[in-house]
């Protein structure tokens, strides 16, 4: 079960997200649904279309399935998703 303590070891695709902070001001405030993830990017479906947001230098506010909000620094997510899922 995904929780605040183990969110970095779980699949992010399908979660709602808000970019709470970013080094690039154009990314700050982007919100929507995570539809894909790569080693360095999170792909977000927004009302305005698809946005690709780099993990580095970004703070993501994720809404977990139990409606808990958790903030994650993108630097904690910089790994290929399949490698991050296997990390202990």
C-alpha atoms as a PDB file:
ATOM      1  CA  UNK A   1       0.000   0.000   0.000  1.00  0.00           C
ATOM      2  CA  UNK A   2       1.354   3.416  -0.935  1.00  0.00           C
ATOM      3  CA  UNK A   3       1.931   5.792   1.991  1.00  0.00           C
ATOM      4  CA  UNK A   4       3.905   8.916   2.883  1.00  0.00           C
ATOM      5  CA  UNK A   5       6.784   6.742   4.098  1.00  0.00           C
ATOM      6  CA  UNK A   6       7.178   4.662   0.932  1.00  0.00           C
ATOM      7  CA  UNK A   7       5.913   6.875  -1.892  1.00  0.00           C
ATOM      8  CA  UNK A   8       9.354   7.086  -3.529  1.00  0.00           C
ATOM      9  CA  UNK A   9       9.354   3.287  -3.982  1.00  0.00           C
ATOM     10  CA  UNK A  10       5.945   3.157  -5.660  1.00  0.00           C
ATOM     11  CA  UNK A  11       4.508   3.824  -9.097  1.00  0.00           C
ATOM     12  CA  UNK A  12       3.572   7.505  -9.544  1.00  0.00           C
ATOM     13  CA  UNK A  13       1.557   7.087 -12.737  1.00  0.00           C
ATOM     14  CA  UNK A  14      -2.092   7.688 -11.974  1.00  0.00           C
ATOM     15  CA  UNK A  15      -1.563  10.067  -9.062  1.00  0.00           C
ATOM     16  CA  UNK A  16      -2.782  13.670  -9.036  1.00  0.00           C
ATOM     17  CA  UNK A  17       0.062  16.148  -8.710  1.00  0.00           C
ATOM     18  CA  UNK A  18       0.787  19.849  -8.209  1.00  0.00           C
ATOM     19  CA  UNK A  19       4.200  21.333  -8.891  1.00  0.00           C
ATOM     20  CA  UNK A  20       4.592  23.200  -5.599  1.00  0.00           C
ATOM     21  CA  UNK A  21       7.944  24.706  -6.491  1.00  0.00           C
ATOM     22  CA  UNK A  22      10.366  24.666  -9.396  1.00  0.00           C
ATOM     23  CA  UNK A  23      13.553  26.344 -10.521  1.00  0.00           C
ATOM     24  CA  UNK A  24      11.765  27.076 -13.798  1.00  0.00           C
ATOM     25  CA  UNK A  25       8.905  29.505 -12.984  1.00  0.00           C
ATOM     26  CA  UNK A  26       6.876  28.185 -15.947  1.00  0.00           C
ATOM     27  CA  UNK A  27       6.576  24.804 -14.213  1.00  0.00           C
ATOM     28  CA  UNK A  28       5.504  26.126 -10.811  1.00  0.00           C
ATOM     29  CA  UNK A  29       1.762  25.670 -10.319  1.00  0.00           C
ATOM     30  CA  UNK A  30       1.318  23.003 -13.010  1.00  0.00           C
ATOM     31  CA  UNK A  31      -1.264  20.499 -11.825  1.00  0.00           C
ATOM     32  CA  UNK A  32      -2.963  17.451 -13.219  1.00  0.00           C
ATOM     33  CA  UNK A  33      -2.623  13.706 -13.485  1.00  0.00           C
ATOM     34  CA  UNK A  34       0.712  11.871 -13.871  1.00  0.00           C
ATOM     35  CA  UNK A  35       0.512   9.886 -17.110  1.00  0.00           C
ATOM     36  CA  UNK A  36       4.159   8.890 -17.572  1.00  0.00           C
ATOM     37  CA  UNK A  37       7.551   9.073 -15.919  1.00  0.00           C
ATOM     38  CA  UNK A  38      11.132   8.734 -17.107  1.00  0.00           C
ATOM     39  CA  UNK A  39      14.432   8.880 -15.248  1.00  0.00           C
ATOM     40  CA  UNK A  40      14.463  12.686 -15.338  1.00  0.00           C
ATOM     41  CA  UNK A  41      10.891  13.756 -16.201  1.00  0.00           C
ATOM     42  CA  UNK A  42       7.345  13.526 -14.929  1.00  0.00           C
ATOM     43  CA  UNK A  43       4.704  13.813 -17.666  1.00  0.00           C
ATOM     44  CA  UNK A  44       1.522  15.514 -16.442  1.00  0.00           C
ATOM     45  CA  UNK A  45      -1.853  15.660 -18.214  1.00  0.00           C
ATOM     46  CA  UNK A  46      -3.268  19.121 -17.452  1.00  0.00           C
ATOM     47  CA  UNK A  47      -6.407  20.873 -18.617  1.00  0.00           C
ATOM     48  CA  UNK A  48      -4.191  22.762 -21.093  1.00  0.00           C
ATOM     49  CA  UNK A  49      -2.498  19.623 -22.433  1.00  0.00           C
ATOM     50  CA  UNK A  50       0.553  17.534 -21.655  1.00  0.00           C
ATOM     51  CA  UNK A  51       3.428  19.087 -19.681  1.00  0.00           C
ATOM     52  CA  UNK A  52       6.843  17.500 -19.209  1.00  0.00           C
ATOM     53  CA  UNK A  53       8.380  18.633 -15.929  1.00  0.00           C
ATOM     54  CA  UNK A  54      11.969  17.798 -14.936  1.00  0.00           C
ATOM     55  CA  UNK A  55      12.379  16.092 -11.570  1.00  0.00           C
ATOM     56  CA  UNK A  56      15.543  17.988 -10.704  1.00  0.00           C
ATOM     57  CA  UNK A  57      14.869  21.307  -8.997  1.00  0.00           C
ATOM     58  CA  UNK A  58      11.155  20.579  -8.548  1.00  0.00           C
ATOM     59  CA  UNK A  59       8.941  19.952  -5.523  1.00  0.00           C
ATOM     60  CA  UNK A  60       5.940  17.762  -6.280  1.00  0.00           C
ATOM     61  CA  UNK A  61       2.820  17.692  -4.112  1.00  0.00           C
ATOM     62  CA  UNK A  62       1.212  14.293  -4.682  1.00  0.00           C
ATOM     63  CA  UNK A  63      -2.282  13.207  -3.706  1.00  0.00           C
ATOM     64  CA  UNK A  64      -2.159   9.566  -2.608  1.00  0.00           C
ATOM     65  CA  UNK A  65      -5.118   7.194  -3.121  1.00  0.00           C
ATOM     66  CA  UNK A  66      -6.253   7.768   0.490  1.00  0.00           C
ATOM     67  CA  UNK A  67      -6.310  11.569  -0.235  1.00  0.00           C
ATOM     68  CA  UNK A  68      -3.170  12.205   1.830  1.00  0.00           C
ATOM     69  CA  UNK A  69      -1.009  14.997   0.418  1.00  0.00           C
ATOM     70  CA  UNK A  70       2.746  14.497   0.418  1.00  0.00           C
ATOM     71  CA  UNK A  71       5.521  16.771  -0.870  1.00  0.00           C
ATOM     72  CA  UNK A  72       8.484  15.104  -2.541  1.00  0.00           C
ATOM     73  CA  UNK A  73      11.648  16.751  -3.808  1.00  0.00           C
ATOM     74  CA  UNK A  74      12.200  15.617  -7.381  1.00  0.00           C
ATOM     75  CA  UNK A  75      15.831  14.794  -6.598  1.00  0.00           C
ATOM     76  CA  UNK A  76      14.524  11.858  -4.496  1.00  0.00           C
ATOM     77  CA  UNK A  77      12.841  10.503  -7.631  1.00  0.00           C
ATOM     78  CA  UNK A  78      15.769  10.733 -10.070  1.00  0.00           C
ATOM     79  CA  UNK A  79      16.136   7.127 -11.142  1.00  0.00           C
ATOM     80  CA  UNK A  80      14.501   5.140 -13.863  1.00  0.00           C
ATOM     81  CA  UNK A  81      11.087   4.241 -12.391  1.00  0.00           C
ATOM     82  CA  UNK A  82      11.741   0.498 -12.575  1.00  0.00           C
ATOM     83  CA  UNK A  83      15.016   0.917 -10.655  1.00  0.00           C
ATOM     84  CA  UNK A  84      13.418   3.169  -8.048  1.00  0.00           C
ATOM     85  CA  UNK A  85      10.675   0.583  -7.486  1.00  0.00           C
ATOM     86  CA  UNK A  86      13.275  -2.079  -6.674  1.00  0.00           C
ATOM     87  CA  UNK A  87      15.212   0.164  -4.268  1.00  0.00           C
ATOM     88  CA  UNK A  88      14.967  -1.022  -0.654  1.00  0.00           C
END
